[in-house]
């Protein structure tokens, strides 16, 4: 260390390495603090060189010009910031649009939907009497009819004495097996075939039968039957062309004379639901009614719906449902989720589960259904549980819907009278089951007018077919993608301020260089203080 007389300061005699380090840091510090012209860069100098529109005029010699451009830049920046806030708010609200398109069917046709039908009558009295090896006698059938007459939605319908008298039937443990055995079977409801003229079941011109239906028990309808259900490894059927002749055609007998008196549901006919083959059918909520004595045409239109998952408002789900007593796994649907919620509500209020569902509770007996279950279901929609279920049951991410359009025509009664008479009057050699012979035996002894009335009261002709093989696709798409967000922000800032992505990089470059310059200056200052303590 020595005194420098020229600079009148103390000079530190540093080692060669220290001198070289200090020189390198000084060079780097000066380099990062200079602009492209080699001058020390200040913020004012940066504004003169930046591509931000109007920034260079903020340091104009003219005070008026400087003031005007400062106001213009401030207003533009404020407006762009306001627009950016709105754009970001909209982006994080996750809005979406629904895009609708029409598509043609693939070469192998459209998958035909599942068709589920249930007789409005839950108990076939004639079947109870005549089923082979039945364990219930005629007297019990009469008691069942007596029970049906008092089935109302009032607790007064079942007095203690009445419950004690009929406890063996009202609280039957194996209710599902009972309904499967004594409800309307598909082989009972389908009319016998009369080839080559009439077939009671056909699809696309091919004959079908009871073996093509899958049955399940229902606490309201006794037994329901589904055509083309995606279960048991059975391949799904396709419709190659549109129109009635390529769809499902059914001839059914509702068996009106075997109905029990049911004041809680005084209906005659069947309820039908057209649904996706992977979904469980909820007949009491979504089925449409078909009355006897008519030919019903049901044209269908397929619609594929795709929803968006979280964080979008639909918050769709892809889970499956396995809460059904049948043990089968079905695709998730919002109606199924709501029905599961309803069943939990029933379990909480009635301490039993509805027949279709598997739960840690006993199956509701008939008296439980009338006294508790039906009134509880009426209260569900207006309860807090119903509101919570609506919130807790999102839409599926992808599902198929079928729109139905119904039209009707009358039946040629004489044709059906001749058809049934030929089948059951013994003039043909066709093999008819004992159950069917018993069902139609009274028909042979009727007068012509009575036979016409029988057709009106019992026979249903039903056609279900695709209106056309084009289908609609409803797809939710995000209104703002990430790049769309950048484009919206860039459009506003580019229009009013001329800011591009490279302009932002200029500001980042200037800020980083100034930050590094400050850090290096602080380090240099500390080293000087360490070498020359005061």
Protein backbone atom coordinates (compact mmCIF):
# COMPACT_ATOMS: atom_id res chain seq x y z
CA UNK A 1 0.00 0.00 0.00
CA UNK A 2 1.37 3.47 -0.86
CA UNK A 3 0.21 7.08 -1.29
CA UNK A 4 -0.46 8.17 -4.85
CA UNK A 5 0.54 11.83 -5.10
CA UNK A 6 -1.18 12.28 -8.49
CA UNK A 7 -4.59 11.13 -7.36
CA UNK A 8 -3.97 12.13 -3.73
CA UNK A 9 -5.35 8.71 -2.60
CA UNK A 10 -4.24 5.50 -1.03
CA UNK A 11 -3.31 2.76 -3.50
CA UNK A 12 -3.61 -0.88 -2.43
CA UNK A 13 -1.01 -3.22 -3.75
CA UNK A 14 -3.20 -6.22 -4.73
CA UNK A 15 -1.96 -9.63 -5.75
CA UNK A 16 -2.04 -10.46 -9.50
CA UNK A 17 -5.03 -12.83 -9.06
CA UNK A 18 -6.97 -10.24 -7.10
CA UNK A 19 -6.16 -7.59 -9.67
CA UNK A 20 -7.31 -9.90 -12.49
CA UNK A 21 -10.60 -10.75 -10.67
CA UNK A 22 -11.34 -7.11 -9.97
CA UNK A 23 -10.62 -6.21 -13.56
CA UNK A 24 -12.91 -8.99 -14.89
CA UNK A 25 -15.80 -8.00 -12.60
CA UNK A 26 -15.37 -4.36 -13.54
CA UNK A 27 -15.48 -5.27 -17.23
CA UNK A 28 -18.60 -7.39 -16.84
CA UNK A 29 -20.29 -4.71 -14.75
CA UNK A 30 -19.58 -2.02 -17.30
CA UNK A 31 -20.66 -4.27 -20.17
CA UNK A 32 -24.07 -5.12 -18.74
CA UNK A 33 -24.69 -1.47 -17.86
CA UNK A 34 -24.23 -0.24 -21.43
CA UNK A 35 -26.67 -0.13 -24.29
CA UNK A 36 -26.04 -1.29 -27.83
CA UNK A 37 -24.26 1.99 -28.60
CA UNK A 38 -21.75 1.43 -25.82
CA UNK A 39 -23.11 4.20 -23.59
CA UNK A 40 -24.07 3.81 -19.93
CA UNK A 41 -27.79 3.05 -20.11
CA UNK A 42 -30.30 4.87 -17.93
CA UNK A 43 -34.05 4.34 -17.82
CA UNK A 44 -34.46 7.46 -19.92
CA UNK A 45 -32.09 6.05 -22.48
CA UNK A 46 -33.93 2.75 -22.46
CA UNK A 47 -37.25 4.49 -23.18
CA UNK A 48 -35.67 6.24 -26.13
CA UNK A 49 -34.64 2.89 -27.63
CA UNK A 50 -37.56 0.60 -26.69
CA UNK A 51 -40.24 -0.49 -29.17
CA UNK A 52 -42.99 0.62 -26.75
CA UNK A 53 -44.96 3.12 -28.81
CA UNK A 54 -44.78 6.72 -27.64
CA UNK A 55 -42.31 6.06 -24.82
CA UNK A 56 -39.55 8.15 -26.44
CA UNK A 57 -41.81 11.22 -26.49
CA UNK A 58 -42.07 11.22 -22.67
CA UNK A 59 -38.64 12.88 -22.59
CA UNK A 60 -39.27 15.33 -25.38
CA UNK A 61 -37.92 18.88 -24.98
CA UNK A 62 -41.44 20.21 -25.48
CA UNK A 63 -43.29 20.23 -22.18
CA UNK A 64 -46.70 20.11 -23.89
CA UNK A 65 -45.68 17.18 -26.03
CA UNK A 66 -44.19 15.37 -23.06
CA UNK A 67 -47.36 15.93 -21.01
CA UNK A 68 -49.66 14.81 -23.84
CA UNK A 69 -47.77 11.57 -24.46
CA UNK A 70 -47.60 10.83 -20.77
CA UNK A 71 -51.39 11.15 -20.58
CA UNK A 72 -51.88 9.02 -23.72
CA UNK A 73 -49.59 6.28 -22.47
CA UNK A 74 -51.19 6.30 -19.02
CA UNK A 75 -54.71 6.08 -20.43
CA UNK A 76 -53.72 3.31 -22.85
CA UNK A 77 -51.94 1.38 -20.11
CA UNK A 78 -54.93 1.76 -17.79
CA UNK A 79 -57.38 0.63 -20.45
CA UNK A 80 -55.24 -2.37 -21.39
CA UNK A 81 -54.88 -3.32 -17.73
CA UNK A 82 -58.65 -3.12 -17.29
CA UNK A 83 -59.19 -5.31 -20.34
CA UNK A 84 -56.50 -7.73 -19.17
CA UNK A 85 -58.21 -8.05 -15.78
CA UNK A 86 -61.52 -8.87 -17.48
CA UNK A 87 -59.86 -11.38 -19.80
CA UNK A 88 -58.07 -13.13 -16.93
CA UNK A 89 -61.27 -13.18 -14.89
CA UNK A 90 -63.16 -14.76 -17.78
CA UNK A 91 -60.37 -17.28 -18.31
CA UNK A 92 -60.39 -18.44 -14.69
CA UNK A 93 -64.20 -18.64 -14.72
CA UNK A 94 -63.62 -21.42 -17.27
CA UNK A 95 -66.41 -20.52 -19.71
CA UNK A 96 -67.19 -22.88 -22.58
CA UNK A 97 -69.19 -23.04 -25.76
CA UNK A 98 -71.34 -25.93 -26.94
CA UNK A 99 -70.51 -26.95 -30.47
CA UNK A 100 -73.18 -28.86 -32.39
CA UNK A 101 -72.46 -30.89 -35.49
CA UNK A 102 -74.17 -33.61 -37.50
CA UNK A 103 -72.29 -36.74 -38.51
CA UNK A 104 -73.01 -39.71 -40.71
CA UNK A 105 -73.11 -43.23 -39.36
CA UNK A 106 -70.12 -45.55 -39.83
CA UNK A 107 -70.20 -48.20 -42.54
CA UNK A 108 -71.46 -50.90 -40.19
CA UNK A 109 -74.42 -48.75 -39.13
CA UNK A 110 -75.43 -47.22 -35.82
CA UNK A 111 -75.56 -49.20 -32.60
CA UNK A 112 -79.21 -49.78 -31.82
CA UNK A 113 -80.22 -48.57 -28.34
CA UNK A 114 -81.47 -50.71 -25.52
CA UNK A 115 -85.27 -50.86 -25.23
CA UNK A 116 -86.74 -51.59 -21.80
CA UNK A 117 -90.44 -52.25 -21.24
CA UNK A 118 -92.45 -52.94 -18.11
CA UNK A 119 -96.08 -53.86 -17.65
CA UNK A 120 -97.86 -51.35 -15.42
CA UNK A 121 -99.26 -54.32 -13.49
CA UNK A 122 -96.61 -55.64 -11.05
CA UNK A 123 -98.29 -58.99 -10.36
CA UNK A 124 -99.71 -61.40 -12.94
CA UNK A 125 -102.56 -63.09 -11.08
CA UNK A 126 -103.02 -65.76 -13.76
CA UNK A 127 -99.37 -66.69 -13.46
CA UNK A 128 -99.64 -67.04 -9.68
CA UNK A 129 -102.47 -69.53 -10.19
CA UNK A 130 -101.03 -71.56 -13.02
CA UNK A 131 -97.25 -71.44 -12.71
CA UNK A 132 -95.86 -74.92 -12.46
CA UNK A 133 -95.15 -76.12 -8.90
CA UNK A 134 -96.43 -72.85 -7.42
CA UNK A 135 -96.17 -72.75 -3.64
CA UNK A 136 -99.19 -70.47 -3.25
CA UNK A 137 -102.75 -71.65 -3.47
CA UNK A 138 -105.90 -70.04 -4.81
CA UNK A 139 -106.82 -68.72 -1.38
CA UNK A 140 -103.56 -66.81 -1.22
CA UNK A 141 -104.23 -65.28 -4.62
CA UNK A 142 -107.57 -64.03 -3.32
CA UNK A 143 -105.74 -62.56 -0.36
CA UNK A 144 -103.32 -60.87 -2.74
CA UNK A 145 -106.26 -59.34 -4.59
CA UNK A 146 -107.69 -58.18 -1.27
CA UNK A 147 -104.37 -56.59 -0.41
CA UNK A 148 -104.27 -54.79 -3.74
CA UNK A 149 -107.62 -53.15 -3.07
CA UNK A 150 -106.26 -51.32 -0.03
CA UNK A 151 -102.94 -50.21 -1.55
CA UNK A 152 -103.19 -46.46 -1.04
CA UNK A 153 -100.73 -43.81 -0.03
CA UNK A 154 -102.17 -43.55 3.47
CA UNK A 155 -100.86 -45.17 6.64
CA UNK A 156 -104.46 -46.04 7.48
CA UNK A 157 -104.46 -48.65 4.71
CA UNK A 158 -102.44 -51.04 6.85
CA UNK A 159 -103.87 -51.42 10.33
CA UNK A 160 -102.14 -53.61 12.91
CA UNK A 161 -104.76 -56.31 12.42
CA UNK A 162 -104.33 -56.25 8.67
CA UNK A 163 -100.54 -56.47 8.95
CA UNK A 164 -100.78 -59.44 11.29
CA UNK A 165 -103.25 -61.23 9.02
CA UNK A 166 -101.15 -60.88 5.88
CA UNK A 167 -97.64 -60.68 7.36
CA UNK A 168 -96.47 -63.78 5.45
CA UNK A 169 -97.10 -62.03 2.11
CA UNK A 170 -96.43 -58.41 3.00
CA UNK A 171 -93.05 -59.13 4.58
CA UNK A 172 -91.90 -61.88 2.25
CA UNK A 173 -88.09 -62.11 2.56
CA UNK A 174 -87.35 -63.28 -0.96
CA UNK A 175 -89.35 -60.54 -2.64
CA UNK A 176 -87.13 -60.39 -5.73
CA UNK A 177 -87.58 -64.10 -6.47
CA UNK A 178 -91.31 -63.77 -5.87
CA UNK A 179 -91.59 -60.94 -8.40
CA UNK A 180 -89.43 -62.74 -10.95
CA UNK A 181 -91.69 -65.76 -10.70
CA UNK A 182 -95.12 -64.13 -10.61
CA UNK A 183 -94.77 -60.89 -12.59
CA UNK A 184 -95.41 -60.59 -16.31
CA UNK A 185 -92.81 -62.64 -18.19
CA UNK A 186 -91.68 -61.79 -21.69
CA UNK A 187 -92.85 -65.15 -23.02
CA UNK A 188 -96.33 -64.35 -21.65
CA UNK A 189 -96.57 -60.86 -23.14
CA UNK A 190 -95.24 -61.67 -26.62
CA UNK A 191 -97.95 -62.96 -28.92
CA UNK A 192 -97.25 -66.38 -30.43
CA UNK A 193 -95.63 -66.28 -33.86
CA UNK A 194 -97.75 -67.03 -36.91
CA UNK A 195 -95.22 -67.45 -39.74
CA UNK A 196 -94.85 -66.34 -42.39
CA UNK A 197 -97.37 -63.58 -41.76
CA UNK A 198 -96.89 -62.32 -38.23
CA UNK A 199 -93.95 -62.39 -35.82
CA UNK A 200 -94.31 -61.02 -32.34
CA UNK A 201 -90.64 -59.96 -32.17
CA UNK A 202 -88.35 -59.04 -35.04
CA UNK A 203 -85.32 -56.83 -35.54
CA UNK A 204 -84.14 -55.82 -38.97
CA UNK A 205 -86.29 -58.54 -40.49
CA UNK A 206 -84.82 -61.26 -38.24
CA UNK A 207 -87.00 -63.10 -35.74
CA UNK A 208 -86.25 -62.54 -32.05
CA UNK A 209 -87.84 -63.86 -28.87
CA UNK A 210 -87.80 -63.86 -25.06
CA UNK A 211 -84.20 -65.11 -25.10
CA UNK A 212 -83.15 -61.75 -26.56
CA UNK A 213 -84.38 -59.87 -23.48
CA UNK A 214 -82.66 -59.38 -20.13
CA UNK A 215 -85.02 -59.16 -17.14
CA UNK A 216 -84.70 -57.40 -13.79
CA UNK A 217 -87.01 -56.90 -10.82
CA UNK A 218 -88.60 -53.52 -10.08
CA UNK A 219 -90.34 -52.50 -6.88
CA UNK A 220 -93.01 -50.61 -8.88
CA UNK A 221 -93.47 -52.77 -11.98
CA UNK A 222 -92.57 -56.21 -10.73
CA UNK A 223 -90.53 -57.37 -13.71
CA UNK A 224 -89.01 -55.36 -16.57
CA UNK A 225 -87.38 -56.63 -19.75
CA UNK A 226 -84.56 -55.06 -21.79
CA UNK A 227 -83.74 -55.71 -25.43
CA UNK A 228 -80.10 -55.21 -26.59
CA UNK A 229 -78.57 -54.66 -23.15
CA UNK A 230 -74.75 -54.65 -23.01
CA UNK A 231 -74.44 -57.49 -20.51
CA UNK A 232 -73.36 -61.13 -20.34
CA UNK A 233 -71.00 -60.74 -23.29
CA UNK A 234 -73.90 -60.37 -25.70
CA UNK A 235 -72.89 -58.40 -28.84
CA UNK A 236 -74.85 -55.23 -29.49
CA UNK A 237 -77.07 -54.99 -32.55
CA UNK A 238 -76.58 -52.42 -35.29
CA UNK A 239 -79.12 -50.74 -37.55
CA UNK A 240 -77.79 -50.72 -41.11
CA UNK A 241 -80.51 -48.52 -42.60
CA UNK A 242 -83.11 -46.19 -41.17
CA UNK A 243 -86.84 -46.84 -41.11
CA UNK A 244 -89.40 -49.14 -39.52
CA UNK A 245 -88.36 -52.33 -41.29
CA UNK A 246 -84.84 -52.20 -39.88
CA UNK A 247 -85.89 -51.52 -36.30
CA UNK A 248 -87.48 -53.46 -33.46
CA UNK A 249 -91.09 -54.61 -33.98
CA UNK A 250 -93.12 -56.07 -31.12
CA UNK A 251 -96.62 -57.51 -30.75
CA UNK A 252 -97.57 -57.64 -27.08
CA UNK A 253 -100.47 -58.66 -24.87
CA UNK A 254 -100.80 -56.63 -21.67
CA UNK A 255 -103.03 -59.38 -20.16
CA UNK A 256 -105.52 -56.93 -18.70
CA UNK A 257 -107.60 -59.68 -17.09
CA UNK A 258 -104.65 -60.64 -14.86
CA UNK A 259 -104.24 -57.16 -13.36
CA UNK A 260 -104.54 -56.53 -9.64
CA UNK A 261 -106.54 -53.53 -8.51
CA UNK A 262 -103.96 -50.85 -7.75
CA UNK A 263 -105.44 -47.47 -6.76
CA UNK A 264 -101.96 -45.97 -6.34
CA UNK A 265 -101.24 -46.60 -10.07
CA UNK A 266 -104.50 -47.23 -11.98
CA UNK A 267 -102.83 -47.63 -15.38
CA UNK A 268 -103.15 -50.17 -18.18
CA UNK A 269 -100.47 -50.83 -20.77
CA UNK A 270 -96.70 -50.74 -20.70
CA UNK A 271 -94.02 -48.16 -20.04
CA UNK A 272 -91.11 -48.05 -22.49
CA UNK A 273 -87.68 -46.44 -22.28
CA UNK A 274 -85.16 -46.11 -25.11
CA UNK A 275 -81.71 -45.71 -23.59
CA UNK A 276 -78.02 -46.38 -24.01
CA UNK A 277 -77.18 -50.08 -23.79
CA UNK A 278 -74.66 -49.41 -21.01
CA UNK A 279 -77.06 -47.46 -18.77
CA UNK A 280 -79.50 -48.75 -16.19
CA UNK A 281 -83.12 -47.88 -17.08
CA UNK A 282 -85.19 -45.92 -14.55
CA UNK A 283 -88.66 -46.62 -15.80
CA UNK A 284 -90.79 -44.77 -13.26
CA UNK A 285 -89.05 -41.46 -14.01
CA UNK A 286 -88.22 -41.50 -17.71
CA UNK A 287 -90.33 -44.11 -19.51
CA UNK A 288 -93.16 -43.20 -21.90
CA UNK A 289 -96.52 -44.97 -21.79
CA UNK A 290 -97.96 -47.13 -24.56
CA UNK A 291 -101.66 -47.94 -24.38
CA UNK A 292 -103.26 -51.14 -25.69
CA UNK A 293 -105.40 -51.12 -28.80
CA UNK A 294 -102.96 -48.98 -30.80
CA UNK A 295 -99.99 -49.29 -33.09
CA UNK A 296 -97.29 -47.00 -31.69
CA UNK A 297 -94.47 -45.71 -33.90
CA UNK A 298 -91.39 -44.54 -32.01
CA UNK A 299 -88.74 -42.91 -34.19
CA UNK A 300 -85.44 -42.20 -32.49
CA UNK A 301 -82.54 -39.83 -33.06
CA UNK A 302 -79.15 -40.49 -31.50
CA UNK A 303 -77.20 -37.72 -29.84
CA UNK A 304 -73.66 -37.95 -28.45
CA UNK A 305 -72.82 -35.49 -25.69
CA UNK A 306 -69.32 -34.64 -24.48
CA UNK A 307 -68.87 -32.52 -21.34
CA UNK A 308 -65.80 -30.89 -19.82
CA UNK A 309 -64.22 -32.05 -16.54
CA UNK A 310 -63.07 -29.93 -13.61
CA UNK A 311 -62.33 -26.98 -13.40
CA UNK A 312 -65.20 -26.27 -15.81
CA UNK A 313 -68.71 -25.80 -14.43
CA UNK A 314 -70.01 -29.16 -15.66
CA UNK A 315 -67.29 -30.94 -13.62
CA UNK A 316 -68.07 -34.19 -15.42
CA UNK A 317 -67.11 -37.62 -14.13
CA UNK A 318 -66.12 -40.94 -15.70
CA UNK A 319 -66.83 -43.30 -12.82
CA UNK A 320 -69.03 -46.40 -13.07
CA UNK A 321 -71.97 -47.51 -10.95
CA UNK A 322 -72.08 -50.87 -9.20
CA UNK A 323 -74.82 -50.37 -6.62
CA UNK A 324 -77.48 -52.42 -8.40
CA UNK A 325 -78.79 -55.65 -6.94
CA UNK A 326 -78.29 -57.44 -10.24
CA UNK A 327 -74.54 -57.31 -9.65
CA UNK A 328 -73.97 -55.80 -13.09
CA UNK A 329 -71.80 -52.75 -13.63
CA UNK A 330 -73.40 -49.88 -15.55
CA UNK A 331 -72.04 -46.68 -17.01
CA UNK A 332 -72.44 -43.58 -14.87
CA UNK A 333 -75.36 -41.31 -15.61
CA UNK A 334 -76.82 -38.39 -13.73
CA UNK A 335 -80.27 -40.05 -13.37
CA UNK A 336 -78.60 -43.13 -11.87
CA UNK A 337 -76.67 -40.98 -9.42
CA UNK A 338 -79.86 -39.15 -8.42
CA UNK A 339 -81.66 -42.46 -7.96
CA UNK A 340 -78.82 -43.67 -5.75
CA UNK A 341 -79.25 -40.52 -3.66
CA UNK A 342 -82.98 -41.14 -3.48
CA UNK A 343 -82.36 -44.66 -2.25
CA UNK A 344 -80.04 -43.37 0.50
CA UNK A 345 -82.83 -40.99 1.49
CA UNK A 346 -85.26 -43.92 1.59
CA UNK A 347 -82.84 -45.95 3.73
CA UNK A 348 -82.53 -43.06 6.17
CA UNK A 349 -86.30 -42.57 6.46
CA UNK A 350 -87.61 -46.14 6.05
CA UNK A 351 -84.66 -48.32 7.16
CA UNK A 352 -84.92 -50.40 3.99
CA UNK A 353 -83.61 -50.26 0.43
CA UNK A 354 -85.55 -50.20 -2.82
CA UNK A 355 -85.50 -53.47 -4.70
CA UNK A 356 -83.20 -52.37 -7.54
CA UNK A 357 -80.35 -51.27 -5.27
CA UNK A 358 -77.76 -53.16 -3.25
CA UNK A 359 -77.21 -51.64 0.20
CA UNK A 360 -76.57 -52.59 3.82
CA UNK A 361 -80.28 -52.60 4.56
CA UNK A 362 -83.15 -55.08 4.08
CA UNK A 363 -85.23 -54.88 0.93
CA UNK A 364 -88.42 -52.88 1.37
CA UNK A 365 -91.43 -55.18 1.63
CA UNK A 366 -94.71 -54.26 -0.13
CA UNK A 367 -96.16 -52.69 3.00
CA UNK A 368 -92.92 -50.68 3.48
CA UNK A 369 -93.21 -49.48 -0.10
CA UNK A 370 -96.76 -48.22 0.29
CA UNK A 371 -96.55 -46.86 3.83
CA UNK A 372 -93.09 -45.29 3.71
CA UNK A 373 -91.18 -45.50 0.42
CA UNK A 374 -93.66 -43.84 -1.95
CA UNK A 375 -94.45 -40.91 0.40
CA UNK A 376 -90.72 -40.49 1.07
CA UNK A 377 -89.95 -40.29 -2.64
CA UNK A 378 -92.59 -37.58 -3.01
CA UNK A 379 -90.82 -35.51 -0.35
CA UNK A 380 -87.32 -36.05 -1.73
CA UNK A 381 -87.32 -33.37 -4.44
CA UNK A 382 -88.24 -30.59 -1.99
CA UNK A 383 -85.84 -31.74 0.74
CA UNK A 384 -82.32 -30.52 1.49
CA UNK A 385 -81.07 -33.98 0.56
CA UNK A 386 -82.58 -33.57 -2.90
CA UNK A 387 -80.80 -30.25 -3.39
CA UNK A 388 -77.48 -31.71 -2.23
CA UNK A 389 -77.89 -34.67 -4.55
CA UNK A 390 -78.44 -32.35 -7.49
CA UNK A 391 -75.14 -30.66 -6.66
CA UNK A 392 -73.27 -33.91 -6.00
CA UNK A 393 -74.35 -35.63 -9.22
CA UNK A 394 -72.42 -34.13 -12.15
CA UNK A 395 -72.95 -34.99 -15.76
CA UNK A 396 -70.93 -37.85 -17.30
CA UNK A 397 -68.01 -36.75 -19.48
CA UNK A 398 -69.41 -38.67 -22.42
CA UNK A 399 -72.80 -40.25 -22.91
CA UNK A 400 -75.35 -41.10 -25.57
CA UNK A 401 -78.95 -39.89 -25.55
CA UNK A 402 -81.90 -40.85 -27.73
CA UNK A 403 -84.64 -38.41 -28.65
CA UNK A 404 -87.97 -40.11 -29.28
CA UNK A 405 -90.89 -39.00 -31.41
CA UNK A 406 -94.19 -40.87 -31.06
CA UNK A 407 -97.08 -41.30 -33.46
CA UNK A 408 -100.08 -43.64 -33.37
CA UNK A 409 -102.41 -45.63 -35.57
CA UNK A 410 -105.32 -47.96 -34.94
CA UNK A 411 -105.20 -51.75 -35.16
CA UNK A 412 -107.07 -53.94 -37.64
CA UNK A 413 -109.09 -55.79 -35.03
CA UNK A 414 -110.47 -58.42 -37.42
CA UNK A 415 -106.95 -59.40 -38.43
CA UNK A 416 -105.91 -60.03 -34.82
CA UNK A 417 -109.18 -61.83 -34.04
CA UNK A 418 -108.59 -64.26 -36.92
CA UNK A 419 -104.94 -64.60 -35.99
CA UNK A 420 -105.62 -65.53 -32.35
CA UNK A 421 -108.54 -67.77 -33.26
CA UNK A 422 -106.41 -69.80 -35.67
CA UNK A 423 -103.70 -70.17 -33.06
CA UNK A 424 -105.85 -71.38 -30.18
CA UNK A 425 -108.91 -73.10 -31.64
CA UNK A 426 -107.07 -76.36 -32.21
CA UNK A 427 -107.13 -76.27 -36.03
CA UNK A 428 -103.34 -75.87 -36.22
CA UNK A 429 -100.57 -78.15 -35.09
CA UNK A 430 -98.57 -75.45 -33.39
CA UNK A 431 -97.21 -76.13 -29.91
CA UNK A 432 -98.54 -73.60 -27.43
CA UNK A 433 -97.51 -73.54 -23.78
CA UNK A 434 -100.05 -74.37 -21.10
CA UNK A 435 -99.73 -70.87 -19.69
CA UNK A 436 -100.59 -69.27 -23.04
CA UNK A 437 -103.44 -71.68 -23.64
CA UNK A 438 -104.94 -70.67 -20.31
CA UNK A 439 -104.40 -66.98 -21.12
CA UNK A 440 -106.26 -67.13 -24.43
CA UNK A 441 -108.88 -69.78 -23.63
CA UNK A 442 -111.55 -67.21 -22.61
CA UNK A 443 -110.94 -65.41 -25.90
CA UNK A 444 -112.29 -68.36 -27.92
CA UNK A 445 -115.65 -68.21 -26.15
CA UNK A 446 -116.20 -64.50 -26.76
CA UNK A 447 -118.55 -62.92 -29.26
CA UNK A 448 -117.08 -60.93 -32.12
CA UNK A 449 -117.70 -57.60 -30.40
CA UNK A 450 -116.15 -58.96 -27.19
CA UNK A 451 -113.13 -60.10 -29.17
CA UNK A 452 -112.78 -56.62 -30.65
CA UNK A 453 -112.94 -55.20 -27.15
CA UNK A 454 -110.31 -57.70 -26.05
CA UNK A 455 -107.99 -56.43 -28.78
CA UNK A 456 -108.61 -52.84 -27.67
CA UNK A 457 -107.89 -53.68 -24.03
CA UNK A 458 -104.85 -55.92 -24.48
CA UNK A 459 -102.96 -55.89 -27.77
CA UNK A 460 -100.07 -53.49 -28.43
CA UNK A 461 -98.14 -53.13 -31.67
CA UNK A 462 -94.87 -51.23 -31.21
CA UNK A 463 -92.24 -50.18 -33.77
CA UNK A 464 -88.96 -48.57 -32.60
CA UNK A 465 -86.56 -47.43 -35.32
CA UNK A 466 -84.02 -44.80 -36.32
CA UNK A 467 -85.50 -41.79 -38.05
CA UNK A 468 -82.22 -41.46 -39.94
CA UNK A 469 -78.68 -42.72 -39.43
CA UNK A 470 -77.16 -39.28 -39.02
CA UNK A 471 -76.54 -38.38 -35.42
CA UNK A 472 -75.90 -35.13 -33.59
CA UNK A 473 -72.74 -34.44 -31.60
CA UNK A 474 -72.94 -31.87 -28.80
CA UNK A 475 -69.45 -31.07 -27.60
CA UNK A 476 -68.40 -28.59 -24.94
CA UNK A 477 -65.22 -26.72 -25.92
CA UNK A 478 -63.32 -24.20 -23.75
CA UNK A 479 -63.96 -20.60 -24.71
CA UNK A 480 -60.39 -19.66 -23.72
CA UNK A 481 -57.40 -21.90 -24.34
CA UNK A 482 -53.98 -20.82 -23.03
CA UNK A 483 -52.88 -19.58 -26.43
CA UNK A 484 -56.21 -17.86 -26.89
CA UNK A 485 -55.61 -16.04 -23.61
CA UNK A 486 -52.20 -14.85 -24.84
CA UNK A 487 -53.71 -13.78 -28.15
CA UNK A 488 -56.43 -11.75 -26.42
CA UNK A 489 -53.95 -10.04 -24.12
CA UNK A 490 -51.49 -9.46 -26.94
CA UNK A 491 -54.19 -8.02 -29.17
CA UNK A 492 -55.14 -5.30 -26.67
CA UNK A 493 -51.61 -4.41 -25.66
CA UNK A 494 -50.41 -4.52 -29.25
CA UNK A 495 -53.21 -2.28 -30.53
CA UNK A 496 -52.97 0.44 -27.86
CA UNK A 497 -49.31 0.28 -26.81
CA UNK A 498 -47.52 -1.59 -29.55
CA UNK A 499 -46.31 -4.14 -27.01
CA UNK A 500 -45.32 -7.48 -28.44
CA UNK A 501 -43.66 -10.47 -26.82
CA UNK A 502 -40.30 -9.04 -27.87
CA UNK A 503 -41.14 -5.70 -26.25
CA UNK A 504 -41.72 -7.55 -22.99
CA UNK A 505 -38.34 -9.23 -23.49
CA UNK A 506 -36.75 -5.78 -23.88
CA UNK A 507 -38.08 -4.71 -20.47
CA UNK A 508 -36.98 -7.99 -18.94
CA UNK A 509 -33.53 -7.58 -20.46
CA UNK A 510 -33.20 -4.05 -19.09
CA UNK A 511 -34.41 -5.06 -15.64
CA UNK A 512 -32.11 -8.08 -15.44
CA UNK A 513 -29.10 -6.04 -16.53
CA UNK A 514 -29.82 -3.33 -13.99
CA UNK A 515 -30.27 -5.92 -11.26
CA UNK A 516 -26.99 -7.65 -12.13
CA UNK A 517 -25.22 -4.27 -12.30
CA UNK A 518 -26.44 -3.44 -8.81
CA UNK A 519 -25.35 -6.81 -7.41
CA UNK A 520 -21.87 -6.55 -8.93
CA UNK A 521 -21.51 -2.96 -7.73
CA UNK A 522 -22.40 -4.02 -4.20
CA UNK A 523 -19.87 -6.87 -4.32
CA UNK A 524 -17.15 -4.53 -5.58
CA UNK A 525 -17.94 -2.03 -2.84
CA UNK A 526 -17.77 -4.72 -0.14
CA UNK A 527 -14.40 -5.94 -1.37
CA UNK A 528 -13.00 -2.45 -1.25
CA UNK A 529 -14.26 -2.05 2.29
CA UNK A 530 -12.68 -5.39 3.25
CA UNK A 531 -9.29 -4.41 1.75
CA UNK A 532 -9.29 -0.92 3.21
CA UNK A 533 -11.06 -0.86 6.57
CA UNK A 534 -11.61 2.61 7.99
